[in-house]
Every structure is written in C-alpha cells, then in structure tokens.
Amino acid sequence: MSTRIQGFTGRHMLLTTCAFFGVIIAVNFTMAWYASSSWSGLVVENTYVASQQFNEKAAAMKAMAASGIAGELSLKRDEIHYDIRNRDGSPADVDDVVANFKRPVGDHEDFHVVLTKLSEGRFEANHAVATGDWIVEVTSRRGGEIVMHEAVRIDTAGFGQ
C-alpha cells in the first residue's frame, strides 16, 4: 500500500494566481462599466473654446460678486421660490429668472424652469423636484443683461416631497 502525500503543487499555484488576477480584472471591468454608464463625462461642449472664455467669465463673476446682489433659492413641496436682493436688502430690479436643475451625476432627470415674477425681487414656479442632490444654476436678467448668475447645490431629502 502506497500513500501519496500531495502538497502545494505548481498546479495549485497556477490556479491561485489565475483566481487572484481573475478577481482583480473582474472588479476593474465592473467599476469601469459603472463609471462609464453613470456619468456622461460631458462638462463642456468644446474644451478649447471654454478655456478661451475663462478669463471673460471670471471677470464677469467678480463684477457680480462686487455688485452685492444676492439670491436665495427655496423649495416647498412642488413650489420653487427665488428671492433676489440688493446689498442693502431691497428687492433687486430683475425682469426674469431661469433655473436649471441638474443632477450631479447623469442628466436623465435634468430640467429647466422659468420662474414667474410675483413682485419686485420675488419669483416662483410650480414644478415637482425629485428627492436627492441637485445643482441648481439660476440666471437673473434685466433688459436681457445678466444681473446675477449663481449655482447652488441642494439636497431635497428634507423638503417634504
């Protein structure tokens, strides 16, 4: 009777190595698939043109900040409110306000809404806003010229949707 003791062989090492790298490759492909399917990757249409316009936009933002005009976005159920005020707290003279709601990841739920002027410096729109994180870009104009342009990040989880 012969007993053969089989230890850790070359075949075991080959299977262990293949299993190890197989798991790493599978995880990498899974993460790459999730990354490419959940984010469009689109930040600007044309990066060259955007880079050329950067200084212009930076100067415009500095001028807006220096003007002292500030806006405040608030949500209540299916209502979107926006108040815009001068440095001294008086309502700002604005003709129209547009809000673009964008998800931080993906664009399938993004929407754009034009707010109705209720009184000087007070605007409102009726639109349901889904629960979760949003980046809201608000543009206020007077006579076709941009008075205020701001982007705020909000979480609508606590707004009683």
Protein backbone atom coordinates (compact mmCIF):
# COMPACT_ATOMS: atom_id res chain seq x y z
CA MET A 1 0.00 0.00 0.00
CA SER A 2 1.44 3.30 -1.00
CA THR A 3 0.28 6.59 0.42
CA ARG A 4 0.97 9.57 -1.59
CA ILE A 5 1.07 12.92 0.16
CA GLN A 6 0.27 15.70 -2.17
CA GLY A 7 1.40 19.18 -1.09
CA PHE A 8 1.08 22.55 -2.73
CA THR A 9 1.99 21.90 -6.34
CA GLY A 10 2.65 24.02 -9.37
CA ARG A 11 -0.93 23.39 -10.49
CA HIS A 12 -2.23 24.84 -7.20
CA MET A 13 -0.03 27.91 -7.65
CA LEU A 14 -1.28 28.39 -11.22
CA LEU A 15 -4.94 28.15 -10.12
CA THR A 16 -4.36 30.53 -7.19
CA THR A 17 -2.65 33.09 -9.43
CA CYS A 18 -5.36 32.85 -12.10
CA ALA A 19 -8.11 33.23 -9.48
CA PHE A 20 -6.35 36.25 -7.93
CA PHE A 21 -5.91 38.10 -11.21
CA GLY A 22 -9.36 36.99 -12.41
CA VAL A 23 -10.96 38.73 -9.42
CA ILE A 24 -8.92 41.90 -9.98
CA ILE A 25 -9.80 42.02 -13.69
CA ALA A 26 -13.49 41.37 -12.99
CA VAL A 27 -13.62 44.16 -10.39
CA ASN A 28 -11.83 46.59 -12.74
CA PHE A 29 -14.22 45.86 -15.61
CA THR A 30 -17.23 46.22 -13.30
CA MET A 31 -16.04 49.56 -11.92
CA ALA A 32 -15.19 50.83 -15.42
CA TRP A 33 -18.66 49.86 -16.65
CA TYR A 34 -20.38 51.64 -13.73
CA ALA A 35 -18.23 54.74 -14.23
CA SER A 36 -18.93 54.99 -17.95
CA SER A 37 -22.65 54.24 -17.68
CA SER A 38 -23.45 56.59 -14.79
CA TRP A 39 -21.65 59.80 -15.81
CA SER A 40 -21.73 61.37 -19.22
CA GLY A 41 -18.28 62.86 -18.74
CA LEU A 42 -19.50 65.94 -20.58
CA VAL A 43 -18.56 69.09 -18.72
CA VAL A 44 -18.28 71.48 -21.65
CA GLU A 45 -19.01 71.02 -25.32
CA ASN A 46 -15.62 72.24 -26.51
CA THR A 47 -12.75 72.45 -24.01
CA TYR A 48 -10.65 74.74 -26.22
CA VAL A 49 -13.42 77.33 -26.55
CA ALA A 50 -14.20 77.07 -22.83
CA SER A 51 -10.55 77.72 -21.96
CA GLN A 52 -10.53 80.81 -24.18
CA GLN A 53 -13.64 82.19 -22.44
CA PHE A 54 -12.41 81.52 -18.89
CA ASN A 55 -10.91 84.99 -18.18
CA GLU A 56 -14.03 86.69 -19.54
CA LYS A 57 -16.31 84.63 -17.33
CA ALA A 58 -14.07 85.08 -14.28
CA ALA A 59 -14.18 88.88 -14.70
CA ALA A 60 -17.97 88.81 -15.06
CA MET A 61 -18.30 86.71 -11.88
CA LYS A 62 -16.06 89.13 -9.94
CA ALA A 63 -18.23 92.05 -11.11
CA MET A 64 -21.39 90.23 -10.00
CA ALA A 65 -19.88 89.49 -6.59
CA ALA A 66 -18.85 93.14 -6.21
CA SER A 67 -22.37 94.35 -7.02
CA GLY A 68 -23.64 92.91 -3.74
CA ILE A 69 -26.73 91.39 -5.34
CA ALA A 70 -27.61 88.05 -3.76
CA GLY A 71 -30.24 85.45 -4.46
CA GLU A 72 -31.87 82.89 -2.24
CA LEU A 73 -33.43 79.70 -3.57
CA SER A 74 -36.01 77.84 -1.51
CA LEU A 75 -38.23 74.83 -2.18
CA LYS A 76 -41.54 73.87 -0.64
CA ARG A 77 -43.31 70.79 -1.91
CA ASP A 78 -43.90 71.47 -5.63
CA GLU A 79 -43.01 75.17 -5.42
CA ILE A 80 -39.68 76.77 -6.28
CA HIS A 81 -39.09 80.24 -4.80
CA TYR A 82 -36.28 82.64 -5.59
CA ASP A 83 -35.69 85.97 -3.87
CA ILE A 84 -33.08 88.37 -5.22
CA ARG A 85 -31.94 91.39 -3.23
CA ASN A 86 -29.51 94.29 -3.45
CA ARG A 87 -26.68 94.80 -0.95
CA ASP A 88 -28.95 96.95 1.26
CA GLY A 89 -31.66 94.25 1.39
CA SER A 90 -34.05 95.95 -1.01
CA PRO A 91 -35.51 93.84 -3.84
CA ALA A 92 -33.32 93.81 -6.95
CA ASP A 93 -34.71 95.11 -10.23
CA VAL A 94 -34.88 91.92 -12.29
CA ASP A 95 -37.16 91.06 -15.22
CA ASP A 96 -36.84 87.29 -15.46
CA VAL A 97 -35.28 84.33 -13.66
CA VAL A 98 -34.47 80.91 -15.12
CA ALA A 99 -33.40 77.89 -13.04
CA ASN A 100 -31.64 74.83 -14.47
CA PHE A 101 -31.83 71.80 -12.19
CA LYS A 102 -29.07 69.28 -12.85
CA ARG A 103 -28.17 66.05 -11.12
CA PRO A 104 -24.51 65.84 -10.06
CA VAL A 105 -24.28 62.50 -11.88
CA GLY A 106 -26.18 61.81 -15.08
CA ASP A 107 -28.54 64.06 -16.99
CA HIS A 108 -31.71 61.99 -17.45
CA GLU A 109 -33.64 63.93 -14.74
CA ASP A 110 -32.33 67.43 -15.53
CA PHE A 111 -34.92 70.13 -16.19
CA HIS A 112 -35.20 73.84 -16.85
CA VAL A 113 -37.87 76.13 -15.43
CA VAL A 114 -38.75 79.80 -15.99
CA LEU A 115 -39.89 81.44 -12.77
CA THR A 116 -42.84 83.85 -12.73
CA LYS A 117 -42.40 87.29 -11.20
CA LEU A 118 -44.68 87.70 -8.16
CA SER A 119 -43.34 91.07 -7.06
CA GLU A 120 -40.10 93.02 -7.30
CA GLY A 121 -37.30 90.61 -6.37
CA ARG A 122 -39.65 87.65 -5.76
CA PHE A 123 -40.09 84.79 -8.26
CA GLU A 124 -41.88 81.46 -8.17
CA ALA A 125 -42.56 78.36 -10.27
CA ASN A 126 -44.65 75.25 -9.73
CA HIS A 127 -42.62 72.18 -10.57
CA ALA A 128 -42.06 68.90 -8.74
CA VAL A 129 -38.42 68.35 -7.76
CA ALA A 130 -37.41 64.74 -7.15
CA THR A 131 -35.73 63.85 -3.88
CA GLY A 132 -31.95 63.85 -3.83
CA ASP A 133 -28.95 66.01 -4.68
CA TRP A 134 -29.24 68.76 -7.30
CA ILE A 135 -27.04 71.50 -8.67
CA VAL A 136 -29.28 74.47 -9.44
CA GLU A 137 -27.98 77.13 -11.80
CA VAL A 138 -30.04 80.32 -11.51
CA THR A 139 -29.73 83.16 -14.03
CA SER A 140 -31.43 86.52 -13.43
CA ARG A 141 -31.73 89.13 -16.19
CA ARG A 142 -32.78 92.75 -16.52
CA GLY A 143 -33.26 94.08 -20.05
CA GLY A 144 -31.63 90.98 -21.50
CA GLU A 145 -28.41 91.53 -19.49
CA ILE A 146 -27.37 89.06 -16.80
CA VAL A 147 -27.69 90.63 -13.36
CA MET A 148 -26.93 87.51 -11.31
CA HIS A 149 -25.75 84.03 -12.21
CA GLU A 150 -25.18 81.53 -9.46
CA ALA A 151 -25.08 77.82 -8.87
CA VAL A 152 -26.09 76.19 -5.60
CA ARG A 153 -26.03 72.58 -4.55
CA ILE A 154 -29.08 71.41 -2.63
CA ASP A 155 -30.39 68.18 -1.15
CA THR A 156 -34.17 67.93 -1.38
CA ALA A 157 -34.44 64.99 1.03
CA GLY A 158 -35.72 67.24 3.83
CA PHE A 159 -38.24 69.29 1.83
CA GLY A 160 -41.28 67.08 2.35
CA GLN A 161 -41.58 65.87 -1.23
